[in-house]
Amino acid sequence: MDPQQVKIIEQLENYYRGSTSSLVFHNPFELLIATILSAQSTDVQVNKITKKLFARYPTPDKIAALTIEELAEEIRGCGLYRTKAKNILAAVRILLFEHQGKVPPNREMLMDLPGVGRKTANVVLANAFSIPALAVDTHVFRVAHRLGLASGKTPEAVEEELTRLIPQEKWAEAHHWLIWHGRKICRAKKPLCGNCPLSGECPDYSKGSLKNV
């Protein structure tokens, strides 16, 4: 294992220890819906939508009773809301008919739900069920590459690299370390390298490749 990579992981843990999801949820079902909604939307916006949505329709059966048009209107503030409404309705009906209305703590079963890919499934497993999983979203993908923690071309490849590097019991936490670093410092455009506590270890910073991002 590369000592430099180990050092970077340790520093990320020191700076972001205790970080959690910024999505507001109270049970696995709420997290599942919120994570589906979060694609191409900010967590802040999703939290505004789900606060109202779950107050009116707190359970799968309540949401399943809506039409696509009705649900689309409820989630209108997020990106791709019509497609998400269609997927959410299909997913909650599967939960009702195949899983007694419960979110299954199983990656394959989660990924059988419309609108749920590996990233969403991993978010639910790690945050709702405390099952070791490391979700790779755009922040994690970007930060892992810039810090030299991964070189894979796909989220799945990056997930495989990170899970080899990071102890299993820290996978869920590491997801949050990388996300918060990406949101606060290592932004996609105009990263705040001058404020970054990891700039001394960052391969991209040392090469000067972030100056014109």
Protein backbone atom coordinates (compact mmCIF):
# COMPACT_ATOMS: atom_id res chain seq x y z
CA MET A 1 0.00 0.00 0.00
CA ASP A 2 1.32 3.43 -0.97
CA PRO A 3 2.38 5.34 2.19
CA GLN A 4 1.38 8.62 0.54
CA GLN A 5 -2.16 7.36 -0.04
CA VAL A 6 -2.35 6.13 3.55
CA LYS A 7 -1.24 9.54 4.78
CA ILE A 8 -3.88 11.31 2.70
CA ILE A 9 -6.63 9.02 4.00
CA GLU A 10 -5.49 9.64 7.58
CA GLN A 11 -5.54 13.39 7.02
CA LEU A 12 -9.00 13.29 5.47
CA GLU A 13 -10.20 11.39 8.52
CA ASN A 14 -8.64 13.95 10.86
CA TYR A 15 -10.24 16.90 9.08
CA TYR A 16 -13.68 15.42 8.41
CA ARG A 17 -14.16 12.92 11.24
CA GLY A 18 -17.80 12.80 12.30
CA SER A 19 -19.16 14.06 8.97
CA THR A 20 -22.52 12.62 7.97
CA SER A 21 -24.99 12.89 5.12
CA SER A 22 -26.51 16.30 4.53
CA LEU A 23 -29.76 14.65 3.44
CA VAL A 24 -32.40 14.74 6.17
CA PHE A 25 -34.08 11.37 6.79
CA HIS A 26 -35.62 9.41 9.63
CA ASN A 27 -35.79 5.89 8.22
CA PRO A 28 -34.49 3.82 5.27
CA PHE A 29 -37.52 4.65 3.11
CA GLU A 30 -37.01 8.39 3.46
CA LEU A 31 -33.30 8.04 2.66
CA LEU A 32 -34.04 5.94 -0.42
CA ILE A 33 -36.45 8.53 -1.82
CA ALA A 34 -34.17 11.44 -0.92
CA THR A 35 -31.19 9.81 -2.60
CA ILE A 36 -33.15 9.13 -5.78
CA LEU A 37 -34.19 12.79 -5.78
CA SER A 38 -30.64 14.00 -5.19
CA ALA A 39 -29.39 13.16 -8.68
CA GLN A 40 -28.70 16.46 -10.48
CA SER A 41 -30.08 18.36 -7.49
CA THR A 42 -28.52 19.82 -4.36
CA ASP A 43 -29.13 18.22 -0.98
CA VAL A 44 -30.46 21.57 0.25
CA GLN A 45 -33.14 21.56 -2.43
CA VAL A 46 -33.95 17.88 -1.85
CA ASN A 47 -34.40 18.51 1.88
CA LYS A 48 -36.91 21.27 1.13
CA ILE A 49 -38.88 18.92 -1.11
CA THR A 50 -38.81 15.89 1.18
CA LYS A 51 -39.81 17.89 4.25
CA LYS A 52 -43.13 18.68 2.58
CA LEU A 53 -43.43 15.36 0.74
CA PHE A 54 -43.01 13.15 3.81
CA ALA A 55 -45.28 15.34 5.93
CA ARG A 56 -48.08 14.58 3.46
CA TYR A 57 -47.08 11.10 2.28
CA PRO A 58 -44.87 9.46 4.93
CA THR A 59 -45.09 5.82 3.81
CA PRO A 60 -44.79 3.79 0.60
CA ASP A 61 -48.52 3.12 0.42
CA LYS A 62 -49.31 6.84 0.68
CA ILE A 63 -46.95 7.68 -2.18
CA ALA A 64 -48.10 4.69 -4.23
CA ALA A 65 -51.63 6.11 -4.19
CA LEU A 66 -50.49 9.17 -6.14
CA THR A 67 -50.51 9.49 -9.90
CA ILE A 68 -47.28 10.29 -11.75
CA GLU A 69 -48.58 13.80 -12.36
CA GLU A 70 -49.42 14.35 -8.69
CA LEU A 71 -46.03 13.12 -7.49
CA ALA A 72 -44.23 15.11 -10.18
CA GLU A 73 -45.90 18.26 -8.87
CA GLU A 74 -44.77 17.42 -5.31
CA ILE A 75 -41.12 17.06 -6.37
CA ARG A 76 -41.14 19.70 -9.08
CA GLY A 77 -38.24 21.64 -7.55
CA CYS A 78 -35.62 19.01 -8.37
CA GLY A 79 -34.01 18.15 -11.68
CA LEU A 80 -35.60 15.50 -13.92
CA TYR A 81 -38.63 15.51 -11.66
CA ARG A 82 -40.96 13.81 -14.15
CA THR A 83 -38.59 10.87 -14.66
CA LYS A 84 -37.97 10.67 -10.92
CA ALA A 85 -41.72 10.64 -10.22
CA LYS A 86 -42.17 7.71 -12.59
CA ASN A 87 -39.26 5.80 -11.03
CA ILE A 88 -40.28 6.50 -7.45
CA LEU A 89 -43.85 5.30 -8.04
CA ALA A 90 -42.58 2.11 -9.67
CA ALA A 91 -40.08 1.58 -6.85
CA VAL A 92 -42.57 2.05 -4.00
CA ARG A 93 -44.99 -0.36 -5.64
CA ILE A 94 -42.25 -2.98 -5.81
CA LEU A 95 -41.50 -2.33 -2.14
CA LEU A 96 -45.16 -2.88 -1.31
CA PHE A 97 -45.71 -5.98 -3.42
CA GLU A 98 -42.36 -7.72 -3.00
CA HIS A 99 -40.91 -6.46 0.29
CA GLN A 100 -43.93 -5.77 2.52
CA GLY A 101 -43.29 -2.05 2.20
CA LYS A 102 -39.78 -2.33 3.66
CA VAL A 103 -36.54 -1.18 2.06
CA PRO A 104 -34.39 -4.31 1.66
CA PRO A 105 -30.88 -4.17 3.17
CA ASN A 106 -29.45 -5.86 0.09
CA ARG A 107 -27.57 -4.21 -2.79
CA GLU A 108 -28.95 -6.42 -5.56
CA MET A 109 -32.54 -6.00 -4.38
CA LEU A 110 -32.09 -2.26 -4.09
CA MET A 111 -30.63 -2.05 -7.58
CA ASP A 112 -33.68 -3.89 -8.93
CA LEU A 113 -35.74 -0.82 -7.98
CA PRO A 114 -36.30 1.73 -10.77
CA GLY A 115 -34.10 4.79 -10.37
CA VAL A 116 -31.64 3.01 -8.07
CA GLY A 117 -28.08 2.45 -9.26
CA ARG A 118 -25.08 1.21 -7.36
CA LYS A 119 -24.30 4.63 -5.85
CA THR A 120 -27.81 5.05 -4.44
CA ALA A 121 -27.84 1.48 -3.17
CA ASN A 122 -24.52 2.00 -1.40
CA VAL A 123 -25.73 5.25 0.19
CA VAL A 124 -28.77 3.46 1.60
CA LEU A 125 -26.81 0.42 2.79
CA ALA A 126 -24.18 2.52 4.57
CA ASN A 127 -26.35 5.25 6.05
CA ALA A 128 -29.62 3.47 6.77
CA PHE A 129 -28.37 -0.01 7.68
CA SER A 130 -24.72 0.51 8.71
CA ILE A 131 -23.68 -2.09 6.15
CA PRO A 132 -20.13 -1.45 4.83
CA ALA A 133 -20.40 0.29 1.46
CA LEU A 134 -18.63 3.18 -0.23
CA ALA A 135 -20.76 5.19 -2.63
CA VAL A 136 -18.91 6.98 -5.42
CA ASP A 137 -20.67 10.14 -6.56
CA THR A 138 -19.20 12.97 -8.63
CA HIS A 139 -17.46 14.53 -5.60
CA VAL A 140 -15.88 11.25 -4.48
CA PHE A 141 -14.83 10.44 -8.05
CA ARG A 142 -13.20 13.85 -8.57
CA VAL A 143 -11.44 14.07 -5.20
CA ALA A 144 -10.16 10.49 -5.37
CA HIS A 145 -8.55 11.20 -8.73
CA ARG A 146 -7.06 14.55 -7.77
CA LEU A 147 -5.55 13.19 -4.56
CA GLY A 148 -4.11 10.16 -6.33
CA LEU A 149 -6.27 7.70 -4.43
CA ALA A 150 -7.77 6.18 -7.57
CA SER A 151 -7.31 6.21 -11.33
CA GLY A 152 -10.30 4.19 -12.52
CA LYS A 153 -12.38 5.50 -15.42
CA THR A 154 -15.74 4.52 -13.93
CA PRO A 155 -17.36 4.96 -10.51
CA GLU A 156 -17.28 1.18 -10.06
CA ALA A 157 -13.53 1.06 -10.73
CA VAL A 158 -12.90 3.92 -8.30
CA GLU A 159 -15.05 2.20 -5.68
CA GLU A 160 -12.96 -0.95 -6.07
CA GLU A 161 -9.72 1.01 -5.65
CA LEU A 162 -10.94 2.94 -2.61
CA THR A 163 -12.31 -0.14 -0.87
CA ARG A 164 -8.93 -1.84 -1.29
CA LEU A 165 -7.20 1.17 0.20
CA ILE A 166 -9.56 1.99 3.08
CA PRO A 167 -10.41 -0.43 5.92
CA GLN A 168 -13.91 -1.86 5.53
CA GLU A 169 -15.14 -0.47 8.83
CA LYS A 170 -14.39 3.04 7.55
CA TRP A 171 -15.94 2.81 4.08
CA ALA A 172 -19.14 4.67 4.99
CA GLU A 173 -17.23 7.38 6.86
CA ALA A 174 -14.68 7.79 4.06
CA HIS A 175 -17.51 8.46 1.61
CA HIS A 176 -18.44 11.49 3.71
CA TRP A 177 -14.81 12.65 4.12
CA LEU A 178 -14.37 12.73 0.35
CA ILE A 179 -17.75 14.33 -0.33
CA TRP A 180 -17.26 17.14 2.17
CA HIS A 181 -13.74 17.81 0.93
CA GLY A 182 -15.15 18.04 -2.58
CA ARG A 183 -17.91 20.41 -1.52
CA LYS A 184 -15.87 22.68 0.74
CA ILE A 185 -12.41 22.76 -0.86
CA CYS A 186 -11.79 20.54 -3.87
CA ARG A 187 -14.60 21.94 -5.99
CA ALA A 188 -15.05 21.01 -9.64
CA LYS A 189 -14.36 24.58 -10.75
CA LYS A 190 -11.99 26.95 -9.00
CA PRO A 191 -10.89 24.57 -6.22
CA LEU A 192 -9.70 26.38 -3.10
CA CYS A 193 -6.19 24.92 -3.18
CA GLY A 194 -4.82 27.81 -1.10
CA ASN A 195 -7.10 26.75 1.76
CA CYS A 196 -6.56 23.02 1.34
CA PRO A 197 -4.88 21.20 4.22
CA LEU A 198 -3.90 18.45 1.77
CA SER A 199 -2.19 20.61 -0.86
CA GLY A 200 1.25 19.41 0.27
CA GLU A 201 0.28 15.82 -0.52
CA CYS A 202 -1.94 16.47 -3.57
CA PRO A 203 -0.40 15.18 -6.83
CA ASP A 204 -2.52 17.46 -9.01
CA TYR A 205 -1.61 20.52 -6.96
CA SER A 206 2.10 19.72 -7.10
CA LYS A 207 1.88 19.34 -10.90
CA GLY A 208 0.03 22.65 -11.17
CA SER A 209 -2.81 21.01 -13.08
CA LEU A 210 -5.52 22.69 -10.96
CA LYS A 211 -4.50 26.28 -11.65
CA ASN A 212 -6.73 26.70 -14.67
CA VAL A 213 -9.64 24.50 -13.61
